[in-house]
């Protein structure tokens, strides 16, 4: 598809892993820490020249707070598909062992939790909807490390458990798409 100037129509998605947050058991309303707020401000400054046109986010407060500076006083579209994967309905005894297990067996889920396959399907469905709705735009997406990695893994298997372990808070990856085909991934900040 060509735009009015005859150039290829590419869509740029900026997947933004949220900044550091204060730990509370309330996943939905867990806010950024003071350091997280400072890092979110720095992230906004680093991305100001990217000409972001649309800002979406997981409904979780820490994800919204991380990208709100990019919204330029426009509404942030909350997308359930970008919320973090639910590992289990109850706290797990050993988080590292639990997360390793779901990555080693993508169809496995703990009681009340999401398997990698289920969470990935949810996240990819949200991505494909954005690619259709905002074709040719630059879209920032506030999200979380595990679901972000699962989405990227759908398009390129190099983005796996080891990649997730190396993500920073915050972290941004710019994905370039033509239609629903991933052309390029680059670290954006």
N, C-alpha and C. Protein backbone atom coordinates (compact mmCIF):
# COMPACT_ATOMS: atom_id res chain seq x y z
N UNK A 1 0.84 -1.17 0.00
CA UNK A 1 0.00 0.00 0.00
C UNK A 1 0.88 1.24 0.00
N UNK A 2 0.56 2.20 -0.81
CA UNK A 2 1.34 3.43 -0.91
C UNK A 2 0.58 4.57 -0.24
N UNK A 3 1.32 5.51 0.36
CA UNK A 3 0.64 6.68 0.89
C UNK A 3 0.57 7.75 -0.20
N UNK A 4 0.09 8.93 0.15
CA UNK A 4 -0.12 9.99 -0.86
C UNK A 4 1.16 10.42 -1.56
N UNK A 5 2.28 10.27 -0.89
CA UNK A 5 3.55 10.68 -1.49
C UNK A 5 4.18 9.56 -2.31
N UNK A 6 3.53 8.39 -2.36
CA UNK A 6 4.05 7.29 -3.15
C UNK A 6 5.02 6.40 -2.41
N UNK A 7 5.26 6.68 -1.12
CA UNK A 7 6.17 5.84 -0.34
C UNK A 7 5.42 4.62 0.19
N UNK A 8 6.18 3.59 0.53
CA UNK A 8 5.55 2.43 1.14
C UNK A 8 4.93 2.85 2.46
N UNK A 9 3.75 2.30 2.74
CA UNK A 9 3.03 2.61 3.97
C UNK A 9 3.50 1.67 5.08
N UNK A 10 4.28 2.20 5.98
CA UNK A 10 4.77 1.42 7.11
C UNK A 10 4.10 1.92 8.38
N UNK A 11 3.90 1.01 9.31
CA UNK A 11 3.37 1.34 10.62
C UNK A 11 4.47 1.08 11.63
N UNK A 12 4.65 2.01 12.56
CA UNK A 12 5.69 1.89 13.56
C UNK A 12 5.05 1.74 14.93
N UNK A 13 5.33 0.62 15.58
CA UNK A 13 4.83 0.37 16.92
C UNK A 13 5.98 0.45 17.90
N UNK A 14 5.83 1.26 18.92
CA UNK A 14 6.83 1.42 19.96
C UNK A 14 6.33 0.68 21.19
N UNK A 15 6.84 -0.51 21.41
CA UNK A 15 6.45 -1.29 22.58
C UNK A 15 7.26 -0.78 23.77
N UNK A 16 6.57 -0.26 24.76
CA UNK A 16 7.20 0.38 25.91
C UNK A 16 6.95 -0.46 27.16
N UNK A 17 8.01 -1.09 27.65
CA UNK A 17 7.88 -1.78 28.94
C UNK A 17 7.86 -0.70 30.01
N UNK A 18 6.94 -0.81 30.95
CA UNK A 18 6.79 0.20 31.99
C UNK A 18 8.06 0.40 32.80
N UNK A 19 8.13 1.56 33.42
CA UNK A 19 9.24 1.90 34.30
C UNK A 19 9.06 1.20 35.65
N UNK A 20 10.04 1.35 36.52
CA UNK A 20 10.04 0.73 37.84
C UNK A 20 8.80 1.16 38.63
N UNK A 21 8.17 0.19 39.28
CA UNK A 21 6.97 0.50 40.06
C UNK A 21 7.14 0.12 41.52
N UNK A 22 6.26 0.67 42.35
CA UNK A 22 6.20 0.33 43.76
C UNK A 22 5.45 -1.00 43.83
N UNK A 23 5.97 -1.96 44.57
CA UNK A 23 5.25 -3.24 44.62
C UNK A 23 4.05 -3.15 45.55
N UNK A 24 2.91 -3.54 45.01
CA UNK A 24 1.69 -3.76 45.80
C UNK A 24 1.01 -4.98 45.18
N UNK A 25 0.18 -5.68 45.94
CA UNK A 25 -0.53 -6.82 45.36
C UNK A 25 -1.64 -6.39 44.38
N UNK A 26 -1.97 -5.11 44.36
CA UNK A 26 -3.01 -4.59 43.47
C UNK A 26 -2.40 -4.31 42.10
N UNK A 27 -2.43 -5.30 41.21
CA UNK A 27 -1.81 -5.19 39.89
C UNK A 27 -2.34 -4.00 39.09
N UNK A 28 -3.64 -3.78 39.12
CA UNK A 28 -4.25 -2.73 38.30
C UNK A 28 -3.79 -1.33 38.70
N UNK A 29 -3.68 -1.08 39.99
CA UNK A 29 -3.40 0.28 40.47
C UNK A 29 -1.99 0.50 40.99
N UNK A 30 -1.09 -0.43 40.73
CA UNK A 30 0.28 -0.31 41.20
C UNK A 30 0.97 0.84 40.48
N UNK A 31 1.41 1.88 41.20
CA UNK A 31 1.99 3.06 40.55
C UNK A 31 3.49 2.93 40.32
N UNK A 32 4.01 3.84 39.52
CA UNK A 32 5.45 3.94 39.35
C UNK A 32 6.07 4.44 40.64
N UNK A 33 7.30 4.03 40.88
CA UNK A 33 8.07 4.56 42.00
C UNK A 33 8.58 5.95 41.61
N UNK A 34 9.22 6.61 42.55
CA UNK A 34 9.80 7.93 42.24
C UNK A 34 10.83 7.79 41.11
N UNK A 35 11.68 6.76 41.23
CA UNK A 35 12.66 6.50 40.16
C UNK A 35 11.95 6.20 38.84
N UNK A 36 10.87 5.42 38.89
CA UNK A 36 10.09 5.11 37.70
C UNK A 36 9.52 6.36 37.04
N UNK A 37 9.03 7.29 37.86
CA UNK A 37 8.49 8.55 37.30
C UNK A 37 9.60 9.34 36.60
N UNK A 38 10.78 9.38 37.21
CA UNK A 38 11.91 10.08 36.60
C UNK A 38 12.31 9.41 35.28
N UNK A 39 12.34 8.08 35.28
CA UNK A 39 12.70 7.35 34.06
C UNK A 39 11.65 7.52 32.97
N UNK A 40 10.38 7.59 33.35
CA UNK A 40 9.31 7.80 32.37
C UNK A 40 9.46 9.19 31.73
N UNK A 41 9.84 10.17 32.53
CA UNK A 41 10.06 11.52 32.00
C UNK A 41 11.24 11.52 31.01
N UNK A 42 12.32 10.83 31.36
CA UNK A 42 13.48 10.72 30.46
C UNK A 42 13.09 10.02 29.16
N UNK A 43 12.29 8.96 29.28
CA UNK A 43 11.83 8.22 28.10
C UNK A 43 11.03 9.14 27.17
N UNK A 44 10.14 9.95 27.76
CA UNK A 44 9.34 10.90 26.98
C UNK A 44 10.27 11.84 26.20
N UNK A 45 11.29 12.35 26.86
CA UNK A 45 12.23 13.27 26.20
C UNK A 45 13.00 12.57 25.07
N UNK A 46 13.37 11.32 25.29
CA UNK A 46 14.12 10.58 24.26
C UNK A 46 13.26 10.27 23.04
N UNK A 47 11.95 10.11 23.24
CA UNK A 47 11.07 9.74 22.13
C UNK A 47 10.34 10.94 21.50
N UNK A 48 10.62 12.15 21.98
CA UNK A 48 9.86 13.31 21.50
C UNK A 48 10.02 13.57 20.00
N UNK A 49 11.13 13.15 19.41
CA UNK A 49 11.34 13.38 17.97
C UNK A 49 10.80 12.24 17.10
N UNK A 50 10.18 11.25 17.70
CA UNK A 50 9.66 10.11 16.94
C UNK A 50 8.29 10.39 16.31
N UNK A 51 7.70 11.52 16.61
CA UNK A 51 6.42 11.93 16.02
C UNK A 51 5.32 10.89 16.27
N UNK A 52 5.21 10.47 17.50
CA UNK A 52 4.19 9.49 17.88
C UNK A 52 2.82 10.13 17.76
N UNK A 53 1.92 9.43 17.08
CA UNK A 53 0.59 9.97 16.78
C UNK A 53 -0.51 9.39 17.65
N UNK A 54 -0.33 8.19 18.15
CA UNK A 54 -1.34 7.50 18.94
C UNK A 54 -0.64 6.85 20.13
N UNK A 55 -1.28 6.92 21.30
CA UNK A 55 -0.73 6.27 22.48
C UNK A 55 -1.78 5.32 23.05
N UNK A 56 -1.39 4.07 23.19
CA UNK A 56 -2.24 3.02 23.77
C UNK A 56 -1.52 2.49 25.00
N UNK A 57 -2.26 1.82 25.85
CA UNK A 57 -1.63 1.24 27.02
C UNK A 57 -2.45 0.10 27.58
N UNK A 58 -1.74 -0.76 28.27
CA UNK A 58 -2.36 -1.69 29.20
C UNK A 58 -3.16 -0.83 30.18
N UNK A 59 -4.24 -1.34 30.74
CA UNK A 59 -4.98 -0.54 31.72
C UNK A 59 -4.27 -0.42 33.07
N UNK A 60 -3.17 -1.12 33.27
CA UNK A 60 -2.45 -1.06 34.54
C UNK A 60 -1.80 0.31 34.70
N UNK A 61 -1.96 0.88 35.88
CA UNK A 61 -1.50 2.25 36.15
C UNK A 61 -0.03 2.48 35.80
N UNK A 62 0.84 1.53 36.13
CA UNK A 62 2.27 1.73 35.89
C UNK A 62 2.59 1.83 34.40
N UNK A 63 1.84 1.12 33.56
CA UNK A 63 2.04 1.20 32.11
C UNK A 63 1.52 2.54 31.59
N UNK A 64 0.35 2.95 32.06
CA UNK A 64 -0.23 4.24 31.64
C UNK A 64 0.71 5.38 32.05
N UNK A 65 1.18 5.36 33.28
CA UNK A 65 2.06 6.43 33.75
C UNK A 65 3.35 6.52 32.94
N UNK A 66 3.83 5.39 32.46
CA UNK A 66 5.08 5.39 31.69
C UNK A 66 4.92 6.07 30.35
N UNK A 67 3.75 5.97 29.71
CA UNK A 67 3.56 6.54 28.36
C UNK A 67 2.74 7.82 28.34
N UNK A 68 2.22 8.27 29.47
CA UNK A 68 1.33 9.43 29.43
C UNK A 68 2.01 10.69 28.92
N UNK A 69 3.30 10.83 29.11
CA UNK A 69 4.01 11.99 28.60
C UNK A 69 4.08 12.02 27.07
N UNK A 70 3.92 10.86 26.44
CA UNK A 70 3.95 10.77 24.97
C UNK A 70 2.61 11.15 24.35
N UNK A 71 1.56 11.21 25.16
CA UNK A 71 0.21 11.42 24.64
C UNK A 71 -0.07 12.88 24.25
N UNK A 72 0.79 13.80 24.66
CA UNK A 72 0.61 15.22 24.30
C UNK A 72 -0.81 15.69 24.54
N UNK A 73 -1.32 15.41 25.74
CA UNK A 73 -2.67 15.83 26.16
C UNK A 73 -3.79 15.18 25.38
N UNK A 74 -3.51 14.13 24.62
CA UNK A 74 -4.57 13.36 23.96
C UNK A 74 -4.93 12.18 24.85
N UNK A 75 -6.06 11.59 24.60
CA UNK A 75 -6.47 10.43 25.37
C UNK A 75 -5.56 9.25 25.08
N UNK A 76 -5.35 8.44 26.10
CA UNK A 76 -4.62 7.19 25.95
C UNK A 76 -5.67 6.09 25.81
N UNK A 77 -5.57 5.33 24.74
CA UNK A 77 -6.49 4.23 24.49
C UNK A 77 -6.06 3.03 25.34
N UNK A 78 -6.92 2.60 26.26
CA UNK A 78 -6.60 1.46 27.11
C UNK A 78 -7.00 0.17 26.39
N UNK A 79 -6.06 -0.76 26.31
CA UNK A 79 -6.26 -2.02 25.58
C UNK A 79 -5.96 -3.18 26.51
N UNK A 80 -7.00 -3.95 26.82
CA UNK A 80 -6.86 -5.11 27.71
C UNK A 80 -5.81 -6.10 27.22
N UNK A 81 -5.67 -6.22 25.91
CA UNK A 81 -4.73 -7.18 25.34
C UNK A 81 -3.28 -6.92 25.71
N UNK A 82 -2.97 -5.71 26.19
CA UNK A 82 -1.59 -5.37 26.53
C UNK A 82 -1.29 -5.47 28.02
N UNK A 83 -2.29 -5.93 28.83
CA UNK A 83 -2.00 -6.11 30.25
C UNK A 83 -1.05 -7.29 30.42
N UNK A 84 -0.35 -7.30 31.55
CA UNK A 84 0.63 -8.36 31.78
C UNK A 84 -0.05 -9.72 31.87
N UNK A 85 0.68 -10.73 31.47
CA UNK A 85 0.17 -12.09 31.54
C UNK A 85 -0.09 -12.44 32.99
N UNK A 86 -1.16 -13.15 33.23
CA UNK A 86 -1.48 -13.62 34.57
C UNK A 86 -0.80 -14.97 34.73
N UNK A 87 0.19 -15.02 35.61
CA UNK A 87 0.94 -16.26 35.80
C UNK A 87 0.12 -17.29 36.58
N UNK A 88 -0.57 -16.83 37.61
CA UNK A 88 -1.37 -17.72 38.44
C UNK A 88 -2.40 -16.88 39.19
N UNK A 89 -3.51 -17.50 39.58
CA UNK A 89 -4.51 -16.75 40.36
C UNK A 89 -4.07 -16.58 41.81
N UNK A 90 -3.05 -17.33 42.23
CA UNK A 90 -2.51 -17.25 43.59
C UNK A 90 -1.01 -16.96 43.50
N UNK A 91 -0.45 -16.32 44.52
CA UNK A 91 1.01 -16.09 44.50
C UNK A 91 1.77 -17.41 44.36
N UNK A 92 2.82 -17.41 43.55
CA UNK A 92 3.64 -18.61 43.38
C UNK A 92 4.78 -18.56 44.40
N UNK A 93 5.23 -19.73 44.83
CA UNK A 93 6.30 -19.81 45.83
C UNK A 93 7.63 -19.34 45.27
N UNK A 94 7.90 -19.68 44.04
CA UNK A 94 9.18 -19.36 43.41
C UNK A 94 8.91 -18.79 42.02
N UNK A 95 8.90 -17.47 41.93
CA UNK A 95 8.56 -16.81 40.67
C UNK A 95 9.48 -17.25 39.54
N UNK A 96 10.79 -17.28 39.79
CA UNK A 96 11.75 -17.64 38.73
C UNK A 96 11.48 -19.05 38.19
N UNK A 97 11.22 -19.99 39.08
CA UNK A 97 10.93 -21.36 38.64
C UNK A 97 9.61 -21.40 37.87
N UNK A 98 8.62 -20.64 38.33
CA UNK A 98 7.31 -20.64 37.67
C UNK A 98 7.39 -20.03 36.27
N UNK A 99 8.09 -18.93 36.13
CA UNK A 99 8.18 -18.28 34.82
C UNK A 99 9.02 -19.13 33.87
N UNK A 100 10.05 -19.78 34.39
CA UNK A 100 10.85 -20.69 33.56
C UNK A 100 9.98 -21.82 33.03
N UNK A 101 9.13 -22.36 33.88
CA UNK A 101 8.28 -23.49 33.50
C UNK A 101 7.32 -23.12 32.36
N UNK A 102 6.70 -21.94 32.42
CA UNK A 102 5.75 -21.58 31.36
C UNK A 102 6.48 -21.27 30.05
N UNK A 103 7.72 -20.81 30.13
CA UNK A 103 8.49 -20.58 28.89
C UNK A 103 8.97 -21.90 28.30
N UNK A 104 9.30 -22.87 29.15
CA UNK A 104 9.75 -24.17 28.66
C UNK A 104 8.60 -24.97 28.05
N UNK A 105 7.38 -24.76 28.53
CA UNK A 105 6.21 -25.48 28.04
C UNK A 105 5.12 -24.45 27.73
N UNK A 106 5.10 -23.91 26.51
CA UNK A 106 4.20 -22.80 26.16
C UNK A 106 2.71 -23.06 26.37
N UNK A 107 2.28 -24.32 26.40
CA UNK A 107 0.85 -24.60 26.60
C UNK A 107 0.50 -24.82 28.08
N UNK A 108 1.51 -24.86 28.95
CA UNK A 108 1.27 -25.07 30.38
C UNK A 108 0.79 -23.79 31.04
N UNK A 109 -0.16 -23.93 31.97
CA UNK A 109 -0.56 -22.79 32.79
C UNK A 109 -0.77 -23.25 34.23
N UNK A 110 -0.46 -22.37 35.15
CA UNK A 110 -0.74 -22.63 36.55
C UNK A 110 -2.23 -22.36 36.79
N UNK A 111 -2.75 -22.85 37.88
CA UNK A 111 -4.17 -22.70 38.19
C UNK A 111 -4.58 -21.23 38.13
N UNK A 112 -5.57 -20.96 37.29
CA UNK A 112 -6.07 -19.60 37.16
C UNK A 112 -5.19 -18.67 36.33
N UNK A 113 -4.07 -19.18 35.82
CA UNK A 113 -3.14 -18.35 35.07
C UNK A 113 -3.25 -18.58 33.57
N UNK A 114 -2.45 -17.83 32.83
CA UNK A 114 -2.42 -17.93 31.37
C UNK A 114 -1.17 -18.67 30.92
N UNK A 115 -1.33 -19.56 29.97
CA UNK A 115 -0.16 -20.17 29.34
C UNK A 115 0.50 -19.12 28.45
N UNK A 116 1.74 -19.39 28.04
CA UNK A 116 2.38 -18.49 27.08
C UNK A 116 1.55 -18.38 25.81
N UNK A 117 1.03 -19.51 25.33
CA UNK A 117 0.25 -19.50 24.09
C UNK A 117 -1.00 -18.65 24.21
N UNK A 118 -1.71 -18.78 25.33
CA UNK A 118 -2.94 -18.02 25.53
C UNK A 118 -2.64 -16.52 25.64
N UNK A 119 -1.65 -16.17 26.46
CA UNK A 119 -1.29 -14.75 26.63
C UNK A 119 -0.79 -14.17 25.31
N UNK A 120 0.03 -14.94 24.59
CA UNK A 120 0.55 -14.48 23.31
C UNK A 120 -0.58 -14.22 22.32
N UNK A 121 -1.54 -15.12 22.27
CA UNK A 121 -2.67 -14.96 21.36
C UNK A 121 -3.44 -13.67 21.68
N UNK A 122 -3.64 -13.40 22.96
CA UNK A 122 -4.33 -12.18 23.40
C UNK A 122 -3.56 -10.94 22.96
N UNK A 123 -2.25 -10.93 23.20
CA UNK A 123 -1.43 -9.78 22.84
C UNK A 123 -1.32 -9.56 21.34
N UNK A 124 -1.15 -10.63 20.59
CA UNK A 124 -1.02 -10.52 19.13
C UNK A 124 -2.34 -10.05 18.51
N UNK A 125 -3.45 -10.52 19.04
CA UNK A 125 -4.76 -10.06 18.55
C UNK A 125 -4.87 -8.54 18.72
N UNK A 126 -4.41 -8.02 19.86
CA UNK A 126 -4.43 -6.58 20.10
C UNK A 126 -3.50 -5.84 19.13
N UNK A 127 -2.33 -6.40 18.87
CA UNK A 127 -1.38 -5.79 17.93
C UNK A 127 -1.98 -5.74 16.53
N UNK A 128 -2.55 -6.85 16.08
CA UNK A 128 -3.12 -6.89 14.73
C UNK A 128 -4.26 -5.90 14.58
N UNK A 129 -5.05 -5.72 15.63
CA UNK A 129 -6.14 -4.74 15.59
C UNK A 129 -5.58 -3.32 15.45
N UNK A 130 -4.49 -3.02 16.16
CA UNK A 130 -3.86 -1.70 16.04
C UNK A 130 -3.26 -1.49 14.65
N UNK A 131 -2.63 -2.53 14.12
CA UNK A 131 -2.03 -2.41 12.78
C UNK A 131 -3.10 -2.11 11.74
N UNK A 132 -4.27 -2.67 11.91
CA UNK A 132 -5.38 -2.41 10.98
C UNK A 132 -5.95 -1.00 11.17
N UNK A 133 -6.19 -0.64 12.42
CA UNK A 133 -6.83 0.65 12.73
C UNK A 133 -5.91 1.85 12.48
N UNK A 134 -4.63 1.70 12.76
CA UNK A 134 -3.70 2.83 12.67
C UNK A 134 -2.62 2.61 11.60
N UNK A 135 -3.01 2.04 10.51
CA UNK A 135 -2.09 1.77 9.40
C UNK A 135 -1.36 3.06 8.99
N UNK A 136 -0.04 2.98 8.88
CA UNK A 136 0.76 4.12 8.47
C UNK A 136 1.06 5.12 9.57
N UNK A 137 0.71 4.81 10.80
CA UNK A 137 0.92 5.72 11.93
C UNK A 137 2.08 5.26 12.80
N UNK A 138 2.40 6.11 13.76
CA UNK A 138 3.39 5.82 14.78
C UNK A 138 2.65 5.70 16.11
N UNK A 139 2.68 4.49 16.68
CA UNK A 139 1.87 4.18 17.85
C UNK A 139 2.74 3.72 19.01
N UNK A 140 2.63 4.40 20.14
CA UNK A 140 3.31 3.96 21.36
C UNK A 140 2.35 3.09 22.16
N UNK A 141 2.88 2.00 22.73
CA UNK A 141 2.07 1.05 23.48
C UNK A 141 2.72 0.81 24.84
N UNK A 142 2.06 1.28 25.88
CA UNK A 142 2.54 1.01 27.23
C UNK A 142 2.16 -0.40 27.63
N UNK A 143 3.15 -1.20 27.99
CA UNK A 143 2.85 -2.60 28.30
C UNK A 143 3.83 -3.13 29.34
N UNK A 144 4.01 -4.44 29.37
CA UNK A 144 4.75 -5.13 30.41
C UNK A 144 5.73 -6.10 29.76
N UNK A 145 6.77 -6.45 30.49
CA UNK A 145 7.85 -7.24 29.92
C UNK A 145 7.48 -8.59 29.35
N UNK A 146 6.69 -9.37 30.08
CA UNK A 146 6.40 -10.72 29.62
C UNK A 146 5.48 -10.71 28.41
N UNK A 147 4.40 -9.93 28.46
CA UNK A 147 3.48 -9.91 27.31
C UNK A 147 4.16 -9.26 26.10
N UNK A 148 4.98 -8.26 26.33
CA UNK A 148 5.73 -7.63 25.23
C UNK A 148 6.62 -8.66 24.53
N UNK A 149 7.33 -9.45 25.31
CA UNK A 149 8.21 -10.47 24.74
C UNK A 149 7.42 -11.54 24.01
N UNK A 150 6.29 -11.94 24.58
CA UNK A 150 5.45 -12.94 23.92
C UNK A 150 4.93 -12.43 22.58
N UNK A 151 4.55 -11.17 22.52
CA UNK A 151 4.09 -10.57 21.25
C UNK A 151 5.22 -10.58 20.23
N UNK A 152 6.39 -10.09 20.64
CA UNK A 152 7.53 -10.04 19.73
C UNK A 152 7.92 -11.44 19.27
N UNK A 153 7.82 -12.43 20.17
CA UNK A 153 8.16 -13.82 19.88
C UNK A 153 7.25 -14.40 18.79
N UNK A 154 6.02 -13.95 18.75
CA UNK A 154 5.10 -14.42 17.71
C UNK A 154 5.65 -14.09 16.32
N UNK A 155 6.23 -12.90 16.18
CA UNK A 155 6.72 -12.43 14.89
C UNK A 155 8.16 -12.86 14.62
N UNK A 156 8.94 -13.10 15.68
CA UNK A 156 10.34 -13.47 15.53
C UNK A 156 10.77 -14.26 16.77
N UNK A 157 11.08 -15.52 16.59
CA UNK A 157 11.37 -16.43 17.71
C UNK A 157 12.63 -16.06 18.49
N UNK A 158 13.43 -15.13 17.98
CA UNK A 158 14.62 -14.70 18.73
C UNK A 158 14.24 -14.01 20.04
N UNK A 159 13.03 -13.47 20.09
CA UNK A 159 12.56 -12.77 21.29
C UNK A 159 11.94 -13.81 22.22
N UNK A 160 12.73 -14.26 23.18
CA UNK A 160 12.36 -15.40 24.01
C UNK A 160 12.63 -15.10 25.49
N UNK A 161 12.65 -16.13 26.28
CA UNK A 161 12.87 -16.02 27.71
C UNK A 161 14.16 -15.24 28.02
N UNK A 162 15.23 -15.54 27.32
CA UNK A 162 16.52 -14.85 27.56
C UNK A 162 16.41 -13.37 27.24
N UNK A 163 15.70 -13.03 26.18
CA UNK A 163 15.47 -11.63 25.83
C UNK A 163 14.68 -10.95 26.95
N UNK A 164 13.62 -11.60 27.43
CA UNK A 164 12.80 -11.04 28.50
C UNK A 164 13.65 -10.75 29.74
N UNK A 165 14.54 -11.68 30.08
CA UNK A 165 15.38 -11.51 31.27
C UNK A 165 16.30 -10.29 31.17
N UNK A 166 16.62 -9.89 29.93
CA UNK A 166 17.54 -8.76 29.72
C UNK A 166 16.82 -7.41 29.59
N UNK A 167 15.50 -7.41 29.54
CA UNK A 167 14.77 -6.15 29.40
C UNK A 167 15.01 -5.24 30.60
N UNK A 168 15.00 -3.96 30.33
CA UNK A 168 15.17 -2.96 31.37
C UNK A 168 13.80 -2.38 31.73
N UNK A 169 13.77 -1.56 32.76
CA UNK A 169 12.56 -0.84 33.17
C UNK A 169 12.88 0.64 33.19
N UNK A 170 12.38 1.47 32.31
CA UNK A 170 11.59 1.10 31.14
C UNK A 170 12.48 0.63 30.01
N UNK A 171 11.85 0.12 28.98
CA UNK A 171 12.57 -0.29 27.78
C UNK A 171 11.63 -0.07 26.60
N UNK A 172 12.21 0.25 25.45
CA UNK A 172 11.37 0.53 24.27
C UNK A 172 11.97 -0.14 23.05
N UNK A 173 11.11 -0.86 22.32
CA UNK A 173 11.50 -1.46 21.05
C UNK A 173 10.57 -0.95 19.97
N UNK A 174 11.17 -0.48 18.88
CA UNK A 174 10.43 0.04 17.74
C UNK A 174 10.29 -1.09 16.72
N UNK A 175 9.05 -1.46 16.43
CA UNK A 175 8.76 -2.51 15.46
C UNK A 175 8.20 -1.87 14.20
N UNK A 176 8.79 -2.16 13.08
CA UNK A 176 8.34 -1.62 11.80
C UNK A 176 7.56 -2.71 11.07
N UNK A 177 6.32 -2.38 10.70
CA UNK A 177 5.45 -3.31 10.00
C UNK A 177 5.04 -2.76 8.64
N UNK A 178 4.84 -3.65 7.70
CA UNK A 178 4.15 -3.35 6.46
C UNK A 178 2.98 -4.32 6.46
N UNK A 179 1.77 -3.76 6.51
CA UNK A 179 0.56 -4.56 6.76
C UNK A 179 0.77 -5.26 8.10
N UNK A 180 0.70 -6.61 8.13
CA UNK A 180 0.93 -7.32 9.39
C UNK A 180 2.26 -8.08 9.37
N UNK A 181 3.14 -7.68 8.47
CA UNK A 181 4.45 -8.33 8.36
C UNK A 181 5.51 -7.49 9.06
N UNK A 182 6.18 -8.11 10.01
CA UNK A 182 7.26 -7.43 10.74
C UNK A 182 8.48 -7.30 9.85
N UNK A 183 8.95 -6.07 9.63
CA UNK A 183 10.11 -5.83 8.79
C UNK A 183 11.40 -5.62 9.60
N UNK A 184 11.26 -4.98 10.76
CA UNK A 184 12.45 -4.61 11.51
C UNK A 184 12.11 -4.39 12.98
N UNK A 185 13.10 -4.67 13.85
CA UNK A 185 12.98 -4.38 15.27
C UNK A 185 14.27 -3.68 15.67
N UNK A 186 14.12 -2.58 16.40
CA UNK A 186 15.31 -1.92 16.93
C UNK A 186 15.01 -1.36 18.32
N UNK A 187 16.03 -1.39 19.17
CA UNK A 187 15.90 -0.80 20.50
C UNK A 187 15.79 0.71 20.29
N UNK A 188 14.77 1.32 20.87
CA UNK A 188 14.49 2.73 20.58
C UNK A 188 15.08 3.71 21.59
N UNK A 189 15.42 3.24 22.76
CA UNK A 189 16.05 4.15 23.75
C UNK A 189 17.16 3.43 24.47
